[in-house]
Protein backbone atom coordinates (compact mmCIF):
# COMPACT_ATOMS: atom_id res chain seq x y z
CA UNK A 1 139.16 134.17 65.50
CA UNK A 2 138.02 135.54 68.88
CA UNK A 3 141.69 135.11 70.00
CA UNK A 4 143.17 137.25 67.25
CA UNK A 5 143.74 140.81 67.59
CA UNK A 6 141.23 143.15 65.98
CA UNK A 7 143.75 144.12 63.25
CA UNK A 8 144.61 140.52 62.16
CA UNK A 9 140.63 139.89 62.26
CA UNK A 10 139.97 143.06 59.86
CA UNK A 11 142.83 141.96 57.57
CA UNK A 12 141.43 138.47 57.46
CA UNK A 13 137.88 139.57 56.94
CA UNK A 14 139.09 142.29 54.18
CA UNK A 15 141.11 139.43 52.44
CA UNK A 16 138.41 136.89 52.50
CA UNK A 17 135.87 139.05 51.14
CA UNK A 18 138.08 140.06 48.40
CA UNK A 19 138.95 136.41 47.80
CA UNK A 20 135.29 135.59 47.49
CA UNK A 21 134.67 138.24 45.14
CA UNK A 22 137.63 137.28 43.00
CA UNK A 23 136.67 133.77 42.95
CA UNK A 24 133.06 134.55 42.17
CA UNK A 25 134.36 136.91 39.26
CA UNK A 26 136.86 134.23 37.96
CA UNK A 27 134.08 131.63 37.83
CA UNK A 28 131.65 133.89 36.23
CA UNK A 29 134.55 134.95 33.67
CA UNK A 30 135.33 131.08 32.96
CA UNK A 31 131.65 130.41 32.34
CA UNK A 32 131.01 133.27 30.05
CA UNK A 33 134.35 132.52 28.20
CA UNK A 34 133.17 128.79 27.91
CA UNK A 35 129.61 129.92 26.75
CA UNK A 36 131.10 132.11 24.12
CA UNK A 37 133.56 129.49 22.74
CA UNK A 38 130.92 127.03 22.62
CA UNK A 39 128.67 129.40 20.93
CA UNK A 40 131.33 130.17 18.19
CA UNK A 41 132.00 126.38 17.85
CA UNK A 42 128.39 125.68 17.17
CA UNK A 43 128.17 128.58 15.03
CA UNK A 44 131.14 127.26 13.08
CA UNK A 45 129.46 123.84 12.58
CA UNK A 46 126.24 125.52 11.30
CA UNK A 47 128.09 127.60 8.88
CA UNK A 48 129.54 124.10 6.88
CA UNK A 49 127.65 123.60 3.88
CA UNK A 50 126.21 120.28 3.07
CA UNK A 51 128.64 118.61 0.37
CA UNK A 52 125.69 117.10 -1.72
CA UNK A 53 128.02 115.50 -4.09
CA UNK A 54 130.03 113.64 -1.55
CA UNK A 55 126.82 112.76 0.30
CA UNK A 56 125.35 111.22 -2.69
CA UNK A 57 128.42 109.39 -3.33
CA UNK A 58 128.40 108.20 0.41
CA UNK A 59 124.90 106.88 0.08
CA UNK A 60 125.79 105.00 -3.06
CA UNK A 61 128.94 103.53 -1.61
CA UNK A 62 127.63 103.43 1.88
CA UNK A 63 130.25 102.28 4.45
CA UNK A 64 129.44 102.18 8.54
CA UNK A 65 133.01 102.45 8.95
CA UNK A 66 135.86 105.12 8.39
CA UNK A 67 137.08 105.48 4.83
CA UNK A 68 140.17 106.85 3.39
CA UNK A 69 139.48 110.57 2.07
CA UNK A 70 142.67 110.62 0.06
CA UNK A 71 142.06 112.20 -3.58
CA UNK A 72 144.16 109.15 -4.89
CA UNK A 73 141.49 106.72 -4.38
CA UNK A 74 138.68 108.86 -5.78
CA UNK A 75 137.27 110.09 -2.32
CA UNK A 76 137.06 113.76 -1.40
CA UNK A 77 138.90 114.92 1.53
CA UNK A 78 137.12 116.66 4.49
CA UNK A 79 138.32 118.76 7.42
CA UNK A 80 135.51 117.38 9.84
CA UNK A 81 133.99 114.21 10.51
CA UNK A 82 130.83 113.79 8.45
CA UNK A 83 128.40 110.93 7.91
CA UNK A 84 124.80 110.22 7.00
CA UNK A 85 122.56 108.56 9.48
CA UNK A 86 119.09 107.01 9.02
CA UNK A 87 116.22 106.38 11.23
CA UNK A 88 117.20 102.66 11.77
CA UNK A 89 120.81 103.94 12.85
CA UNK A 90 122.39 102.92 9.91
CA UNK A 91 125.20 105.27 9.13
CA UNK A 92 127.36 106.08 5.85
CA UNK A 93 130.54 107.41 7.09
CA UNK A 94 132.08 110.17 4.46
CA UNK A 95 135.55 110.64 6.07
CA UNK A 96 138.21 108.84 8.02
CA UNK A 97 136.58 109.47 11.43
CA UNK A 98 133.46 107.92 12.26
CA UNK A 99 130.94 109.49 14.97
CA UNK A 100 129.04 107.18 17.25
CA UNK A 101 125.36 107.00 16.41
CA UNK A 102 123.05 107.95 19.52
CA UNK A 103 119.38 108.42 19.84
CA UNK A 104 119.56 112.04 18.60
CA UNK A 105 120.66 111.09 15.20
CA UNK A 106 117.66 108.45 14.80
CA UNK A 107 115.25 111.32 16.14
CA UNK A 108 116.53 113.79 13.75
CA UNK A 109 116.67 111.36 10.77
CA UNK A 110 112.98 110.51 11.46
CA UNK A 111 112.03 114.15 11.99
CA UNK A 112 110.94 116.93 9.85
CA UNK A 113 113.31 118.77 7.34
CA UNK A 114 115.64 121.47 8.87
CA UNK A 115 115.35 119.83 12.38
CA UNK A 116 118.74 119.79 14.21
CA UNK A 117 120.46 118.95 17.53
CA UNK A 118 123.75 119.98 18.71
CA UNK A 119 125.51 117.96 21.42
CA UNK A 120 128.96 116.62 22.78
CA UNK A 121 129.63 113.17 21.69
CA UNK A 122 132.49 110.88 20.98
CA UNK A 123 134.08 109.50 17.77
CA UNK A 124 134.58 105.75 17.43
CA UNK A 125 138.15 105.96 18.94
CA UNK A 126 136.76 107.88 21.90
CA UNK A 127 138.00 111.50 20.77
CA UNK A 128 135.61 114.10 22.42
CA UNK A 129 133.75 116.08 19.67
CA UNK A 130 130.93 118.72 19.22
CA UNK A 131 128.31 117.07 17.05
CA UNK A 132 125.58 118.94 14.83
CA UNK A 133 122.84 116.80 13.45
CA UNK A 134 120.51 118.32 10.80
CA UNK A 135 117.66 116.80 8.57
CA UNK A 136 118.61 117.50 5.25
CA UNK A 137 116.36 114.95 3.53
CA UNK A 138 113.40 112.80 4.37
CA UNK A 139 114.39 110.03 6.36
CA UNK A 140 118.30 111.14 6.39
CA UNK A 141 120.24 113.14 8.82
CA UNK A 142 123.65 114.82 7.91
CA UNK A 143 126.08 114.63 10.82
CA UNK A 144 129.25 116.92 10.98
CA UNK A 145 131.69 117.17 14.22
CA UNK A 146 134.67 119.04 15.12
CA UNK A 147 137.03 117.85 18.02
CA UNK A 148 136.76 119.79 21.43
CA UNK A 149 140.69 119.50 22.13
CA UNK A 150 141.02 123.34 21.12
CA UNK A 151 137.99 124.33 23.31
CA UNK A 152 139.26 122.30 26.21
CA UNK A 153 142.79 123.64 25.76
CA UNK A 154 141.65 127.20 25.60
CA UNK A 155 139.48 126.86 28.69
CA UNK A 156 142.41 125.10 30.62
CA UNK A 157 144.54 128.27 29.70
CA UNK A 158 141.81 130.64 30.72
CA UNK A 159 141.35 128.56 34.06
CA UNK A 160 145.16 128.82 34.68
CA UNK A 161 145.27 132.47 34.06
CA UNK A 162 142.23 133.29 36.29
CA UNK A 163 143.66 131.18 39.01
CA UNK A 164 146.69 133.21 38.89
CA UNK A 165 144.82 136.52 38.68
CA UNK A 166 142.77 135.34 41.82
CA UNK A 167 145.91 134.27 43.92
CA UNK A 168 147.41 137.55 43.00
CA UNK A 169 144.22 139.31 43.90
CA UNK A 170 144.06 137.64 47.19
CA UNK A 171 147.63 138.34 47.95
CA UNK A 172 147.16 142.12 47.11
CA UNK A 173 143.79 142.19 49.17
CA UNK A 174 145.69 140.86 52.07
CA UNK A 175 148.35 143.54 51.79
CA UNK A 176 145.66 146.09 51.38
CA UNK A 177 143.57 144.78 54.25
CA UNK A 178 146.70 145.01 56.58
CA UNK A 179 147.24 148.67 55.45
CA UNK A 180 143.83 149.71 55.80
CA UNK A 181 143.52 147.85 59.11
CA UNK A 182 146.62 149.71 60.24
CA UNK A 183 145.11 153.06 59.19
CA UNK A 184 141.63 152.43 60.51
CA UNK A 185 142.43 151.24 63.88
CA UNK A 186 145.12 154.01 64.47
CA UNK A 187 142.47 155.94 66.32
CA UNK A 188 141.51 152.96 68.18
CA UNK A 189 145.13 152.47 69.17
CA UNK A 190 145.27 155.92 70.74
CA UNK A 191 141.91 155.36 72.43
CA UNK A 192 143.34 152.19 73.93
CA UNK A 193 146.43 153.71 74.95
CA UNK A 194 144.70 156.56 76.53
CA UNK A 195 142.25 154.25 78.60
CA UNK A 196 145.35 152.26 79.50
CA UNK A 197 147.07 155.57 80.77
CA UNK A 198 143.85 156.49 82.69
CA UNK A 199 143.58 153.15 84.25
CA UNK A 200 147.45 153.20 85.42
CA UNK A 201 147.44 156.80 86.33
CA UNK A 202 143.99 157.78 87.22
CA UNK A 203 144.42 161.06 85.20
CA UNK A 204 140.97 161.85 84.16
CA UNK A 205 142.19 164.90 82.37
CA UNK A 206 143.67 162.85 79.43
CA UNK A 207 141.93 163.96 76.06
CA UNK A 208 141.97 162.24 72.69
CA UNK A 209 142.28 164.36 69.54
CA UNK A 210 139.12 164.35 67.64
CA UNK A 211 139.68 164.18 63.80
CA UNK A 212 136.96 164.01 61.35
CA UNK A 213 133.38 163.20 62.05
CA UNK A 214 133.22 159.42 61.56
CA UNK A 215 132.36 156.87 63.97
CA UNK A 216 135.86 156.72 65.61
CA UNK A 217 135.86 160.38 65.94
CA UNK A 218 132.38 160.23 67.74
CA UNK A 219 133.86 157.43 69.99
CA UNK A 220 136.73 159.58 71.03
CA UNK A 221 134.43 162.72 71.54
CA UNK A 222 132.09 160.47 73.71
CA UNK A 223 135.34 159.23 75.64
CA UNK A 224 136.45 162.63 76.10
CA UNK A 225 132.82 163.67 77.47
CA UNK A 226 132.81 160.52 79.54
CA UNK A 227 136.44 161.45 81.27
CA UNK A 228 135.29 165.02 81.56
CA UNK A 229 132.08 164.15 83.45
CA UNK A 230 134.03 161.78 85.74
CA UNK A 231 136.36 164.40 86.54
CA UNK A 232 133.71 166.78 87.24
CA UNK A 233 132.00 164.14 89.40
CA UNK A 234 135.35 163.42 91.27
CA UNK A 235 135.94 167.07 91.82
CA UNK A 236 132.43 167.77 93.07
CA UNK A 237 132.80 164.64 95.53
CA UNK A 238 136.32 166.09 96.62
CA UNK A 239 134.58 169.37 96.92
CA UNK A 240 131.91 168.06 99.07
CA UNK A 241 134.15 166.24 101.41
CA UNK A 242 136.11 169.39 101.76
CA UNK A 243 133.06 171.40 102.51
CA UNK A 244 131.72 168.72 104.82
CA UNK A 245 134.79 168.41 106.76
CA UNK A 246 134.83 172.19 107.33
CA UNK A 247 131.36 172.44 108.27
CA UNK A 248 131.65 169.46 110.65
CA UNK A 249 134.85 170.99 112.35
CA UNK A 250 132.90 173.73 113.95
CA UNK A 251 130.24 171.79 115.95
CA UNK A 252 132.69 168.99 116.73
CA UNK A 253 135.07 171.52 118.36
CA UNK A 254 132.30 173.00 120.30
CA UNK A 255 131.21 169.43 121.32
CA UNK A 256 134.61 168.51 122.38
CA UNK A 257 135.16 171.61 124.29
CA UNK A 258 131.79 171.32 126.19
CA UNK A 259 132.31 167.51 126.92
CA UNK A 260 135.82 168.35 128.30
CA UNK A 261 134.59 170.93 130.63
CA UNK A 262 132.04 168.41 131.98
CA UNK A 263 134.45 165.90 132.41
CA UNK A 264 137.27 168.08 133.96
CA UNK A 265 134.68 168.95 136.50
CA UNK A 266 133.77 165.50 137.24
CA UNK A 267 137.38 164.29 137.42
CA UNK A 268 138.74 167.33 139.71
CA UNK A 269 135.61 167.11 141.74
CA UNK A 270 134.90 171.06 141.32
CA UNK A 271 131.30 170.88 140.28
CA UNK A 272 129.97 173.46 138.13
CA UNK A 273 127.30 175.87 138.61
CA UNK A 274 123.77 174.18 138.05
CA UNK A 275 122.94 177.06 135.66
CA UNK A 276 126.29 176.82 133.74
CA UNK A 277 125.99 172.87 133.57
CA UNK A 278 122.47 173.22 132.31
CA UNK A 279 123.67 175.50 129.55
CA UNK A 280 126.59 173.31 128.63
CA UNK A 281 124.29 170.27 128.30
CA UNK A 282 121.56 172.32 126.26
CA UNK A 283 124.41 173.41 123.92
CA UNK A 284 125.66 169.72 123.55
CA UNK A 285 122.17 168.70 122.75
CA UNK A 286 121.81 171.68 120.05
CA UNK A 287 125.25 170.55 118.60
CA UNK A 288 124.19 167.10 118.03
CA UNK A 289 120.94 168.21 116.50
CA UNK A 290 122.86 170.35 114.24
CA UNK A 291 125.26 167.56 113.43
CA UNK A 292 122.35 164.91 112.87
CA UNK A 293 120.77 167.71 110.57
CA UNK A 294 124.04 168.23 108.53
CA UNK A 295 124.83 164.30 108.26
CA UNK A 296 121.13 163.86 106.92
CA UNK A 297 121.55 166.63 104.36
CA UNK A 298 124.97 165.26 103.20
CA UNK A 299 123.45 161.80 102.70
CA UNK A 300 120.44 163.38 100.82
CA UNK A 301 122.91 165.25 98.47
CA UNK A 302 125.58 162.39 98.20
CA UNK A 303 123.17 159.51 97.10
CA UNK A 304 123.15 158.61 93.52
CA UNK A 305 120.31 159.11 91.05
CA UNK A 306 119.57 155.12 91.30
CA UNK A 307 119.29 155.34 95.09
CA UNK A 308 116.03 157.27 95.36
CA UNK A 309 112.47 156.20 95.57
CA UNK A 310 110.74 154.87 92.40
CA UNK A 311 109.16 157.86 90.81
CA UNK A 312 105.23 157.45 90.74
CA UNK A 313 102.37 159.77 90.16
CA UNK A 314 101.36 161.52 93.03
CA UNK A 315 99.41 164.59 94.27
CA UNK A 316 101.72 167.34 94.84
CA UNK A 317 98.92 169.35 96.74
CA UNK A 318 99.11 166.60 99.43
CA UNK A 319 102.71 166.49 99.66
CA UNK A 320 102.64 170.28 100.11
CA UNK A 321 99.89 169.97 102.87
CA UNK A 322 102.12 167.47 104.76
CA UNK A 323 105.19 169.59 104.69
CA UNK A 324 103.17 172.41 105.88
CA UNK A 325 101.84 170.29 108.79
CA UNK A 326 105.41 169.46 109.68
CA UNK A 327 106.45 173.04 109.63
CA UNK A 328 103.53 174.24 111.88
CA UNK A 329 104.48 171.60 114.38
CA UNK A 330 108.08 173.42 114.57
CA UNK A 331 106.47 176.48 115.40
CA UNK A 332 106.18 178.15 112.00
CA UNK A 333 103.05 180.07 110.68
CA UNK A 334 102.26 179.07 107.39
CA UNK A 335 99.06 180.29 105.25
CA UNK A 336 98.13 178.08 102.32
CA UNK A 337 96.44 178.44 99.06
CA UNK A 338 96.69 175.07 97.18
CA UNK A 339 94.81 173.76 94.04
CA UNK A 340 95.21 169.99 92.86
CA UNK A 341 98.19 169.13 90.76
CA UNK A 342 99.61 165.64 89.93
CA UNK A 343 103.32 165.13 89.38
CA UNK A 344 105.54 162.15 88.92
CA UNK A 345 108.39 161.89 91.55
CA UNK A 346 109.40 160.87 94.85
CA UNK A 347 107.07 161.86 97.65
CA UNK A 348 109.86 161.90 100.22
CA UNK A 349 112.17 163.99 98.27
CA UNK A 350 109.57 166.48 97.40
CA UNK A 351 108.04 166.81 100.78
CA UNK A 352 111.79 167.57 102.28
CA UNK A 353 112.15 170.18 99.70
CA UNK A 354 108.98 172.18 100.37
CA UNK A 355 109.59 171.75 104.03
CA UNK A 356 113.33 173.25 103.60
CA UNK A 357 111.56 176.13 101.56
CA UNK A 358 109.19 176.84 104.35
CA UNK A 359 111.88 176.51 107.22
CA UNK A 360 114.07 178.77 105.34
CA UNK A 361 111.34 181.38 104.79
CA UNK A 362 110.29 181.08 108.52
CA UNK A 363 113.94 181.55 109.61
CA UNK A 364 114.51 184.81 107.89
CA UNK A 365 111.01 186.36 108.81
CA UNK A 366 110.10 185.51 112.44
CA UNK A 367 106.77 186.45 113.67
CA UNK A 368 105.49 186.71 110.11
CA UNK A 369 103.33 184.35 108.24
CA UNK A 370 104.95 182.16 105.40
CA UNK A 371 102.56 182.21 102.34
CA UNK A 372 102.49 178.83 100.46
CA UNK A 373 100.65 178.60 97.12
CA UNK A 374 100.27 176.25 94.53
CA UNK A 375 98.97 176.92 91.07
CA UNK A 376 98.93 174.74 87.96
CA UNK A 377 102.31 173.18 88.65
CA UNK A 378 103.99 176.38 90.20
CA UNK A 379 104.67 176.25 93.94
CA UNK A 380 105.58 179.63 95.52
CA UNK A 381 106.78 180.13 99.22
CA UNK A 382 107.02 183.68 100.09
CA UNK A 383 108.58 185.31 103.46
CA UNK A 384 108.33 188.91 104.55
CA UNK A 385 111.93 189.02 105.72
CA UNK A 386 114.84 191.36 104.70
CA UNK A 387 115.19 189.86 101.29
CA UNK A 388 118.41 188.83 99.54
CA UNK A 389 121.00 190.99 97.82
CA UNK A 390 121.22 190.82 94.06
CA UNK A 391 124.95 189.77 93.98
CA UNK A 392 123.92 186.59 96.40
CA UNK A 393 121.15 185.26 94.23
CA UNK A 394 123.37 183.32 91.93
CA UNK A 395 125.06 181.56 94.78
CA UNK A 396 121.84 180.61 96.73
CA UNK A 397 121.65 176.94 95.38
CA UNK A 398 125.41 176.13 95.97
CA UNK A 399 126.28 173.50 98.68
CA UNK A 400 127.34 175.11 101.78
CA UNK A 401 126.97 178.45 100.55
CA UNK A 402 125.55 181.07 103.19
CA UNK A 403 125.15 184.78 102.74
CA UNK A 404 127.03 187.00 105.32
CA UNK A 405 123.65 187.85 107.13
CA UNK A 406 122.81 184.05 107.61
CA UNK A 407 126.13 182.98 108.92
CA UNK A 408 124.97 183.63 112.49
CA UNK A 409 121.69 181.75 111.96
CA UNK A 410 121.41 177.90 112.47
CA UNK A 411 121.83 175.86 109.22
CA UNK A 412 124.19 174.05 107.21
CA UNK A 413 123.78 175.91 103.88
CA UNK A 414 122.70 172.55 102.37
CA UNK A 415 118.92 173.37 102.42
CA UNK A 416 118.50 175.01 99.15
CA UNK A 417 120.83 172.63 97.31
CA UNK A 418 118.62 169.78 98.30
CA UNK A 419 115.46 171.64 97.11
CA UNK A 420 117.32 172.13 93.79
CA UNK A 421 118.29 168.38 93.47
CA UNK A 422 114.60 167.33 94.28
CA UNK A 423 113.13 169.47 91.59
CA UNK A 424 115.78 168.30 89.05
CA UNK A 425 114.87 164.83 89.85
CA UNK A 426 111.18 165.52 89.26
CA UNK A 427 111.93 167.24 85.93
CA UNK A 428 111.24 170.75 87.28
CA UNK A 429 113.26 173.75 88.20
CA UNK A 430 113.38 176.28 91.19
CA UNK A 431 114.53 179.87 91.52
CA UNK A 432 114.81 182.39 94.26
CA UNK A 433 114.16 186.09 93.98
CA UNK A 434 112.94 189.16 95.90
CA UNK A 435 109.23 189.54 96.08
CA UNK A 436 107.54 193.01 95.28
CA UNK A 437 107.02 194.90 98.71
CA UNK A 438 109.83 193.22 100.56
CA UNK A 439 110.65 189.67 101.41
CA UNK A 440 111.82 186.65 99.36
CA UNK A 441 109.80 184.29 97.11
CA UNK A 442 110.91 180.68 96.05
CA UNK A 443 109.22 179.36 93.12
CA UNK A 444 109.24 175.85 92.14
CA UNK A 445 107.74 174.50 88.77
CA UNK A 446 106.99 170.75 88.27
CA UNK A 447 105.56 169.22 85.15
CA UNK A 448 102.37 167.53 85.73
CA UNK A 449 98.37 167.37 85.31
CA UNK A 450 95.41 168.92 86.95
CA UNK A 451 93.95 165.36 87.32
CA UNK A 452 95.62 161.84 87.56
CA UNK A 453 96.47 160.01 84.71
CA UNK A 454 96.57 156.57 86.61
CA UNK A 455 93.34 154.38 87.17
CA UNK A 456 91.06 156.37 89.45
CA UNK A 457 89.98 153.43 91.19
CA UNK A 458 93.58 152.92 92.78
CA UNK A 459 94.28 154.60 96.06
CA UNK A 460 96.27 157.64 95.61
CA UNK A 461 99.76 157.66 97.30
CA UNK A 462 99.93 159.98 100.02
CA UNK A 463 103.49 161.79 100.81
CA UNK A 464 105.42 159.93 103.63
CA UNK A 465 107.03 161.78 106.33
C-alpha cells in the first residue's frame, strides 16, 4: 500500500469503505428478509385451525407411520403434515408425512393447555420443515409443519440478488473513487508540479492559484507564503552581500593604497618621511579597526534566529550599567538614571544594542553628556547634537543607511540595525526621534517585570562583555 500512489490509495480506500458498507447493508437486509419470512411462516402455522374430527379419528385409529390421505379410503387430505404426540413419545400420524418426534413434543404434551413451541425439524424422510407444537388437550400435543424449501429458495434468490447489487456497488464505488481522487488531488498535483519546478529552476516567484477555503487551499496559501518568505530572505541576503561588498570596497582600497606605498618605498630604497610613514601606519590601523567592526556587525546581523544565546531572565539595569561602563572607557560622557527591570533575552545582544545607542549618541554630540534612563522597561538614550531630519527618520534602522551629515563620520551604518534586531529578539521595539529642546532620543521598550520571576536563591546572571 505504501508503494502505491496517493490516487490509487484513495481509490482503494473509497472502494473498500463502500464495499464494507454495502456488505454490511446486504447482510443486514438478508437477515431482515429471513426474519420477516420466518415470522410469516410461523404465523401461517399458528393460523391453521385444529381439525378436531380428523384428530379424534387419528386417535381412534392411531398409526405411528404416515397414512394415505386419499378421500377414497375414508381419510381426509391435509395440505400440511399433522400428527398427535403424547408425553411418552407416541405419535398418531394424520397424513402421509410424519414428523420426527423430539423432546419438544413430549414436553409440550406434558405441559399446560395452550403451551406451544416452534422450531426447525425434519420429516421422517429427512425433508427440512418448520414445526409448530401446541398443547390442545391434557396429555396430548398437536403437531403441524410446513416444508422450508420455499423459504430457503426465497433466501437463495435474495442472497444472489444482494450479491449482484453488492458487486455492482463495489464497481461503482471504485469508479466513483477514481473520479473523486482525480478531482480531489488535482490541486495537490498542481502543488507537486510547482514544487518540482522550484526544485529544478530555483524560481521562488512561482505561485499556486488558491481556490476556495478548504485544506488544499490553505496548503496552497501556506506554500505561497513560504516561497514568498524564502524569496524575501534570499533578496535580503543578496542585498546584504551587495551592501557589504560596497562598504568593504572603500576601506580595502585605502588599505591596499597605503600598503602599496609602504612596499614601494621599501622596494625602491626611497624612505618615506618619518611623519608621513607614521600617518600611513595610523591610517592602516584605523582601516583595520573599521574592517574589524564592520565584519563583526555583519556577523551579528547575518546570524540566524537559532544562532543566538539562549534567552534567560536577566536584570536589564545591570546590562545597561555594563554598557555604560564600556562606553565610558571609550571616552564618552554618560549620565544614568536607572531603575530595576527584569527581562527575558540575551545579555550579550542587549548590551551591544545599548552600547551602540550610546556610541551613536556620543558620536553626534561630542563634548556633551549622553543621558541614559531606564523606567519600567523603557530605556531612553538622549544626546544633545543637531538632531535628525524628519525625512531621514524612516530609514535610520535600515542596514548600511547613513544620513548625508553622518557619511563623513566613522561607522558602517549597521549599529541601529543591530539595535532593532536585538529589541525584536527580546520581544520589544525601538524608535528614534528628535528630543524637545534639541538633540535625538532613542527609546527601546522591552517587556518584563519590576522583580525577578525566577528563584530568588539562584544567583542572577550578569551581562557579559
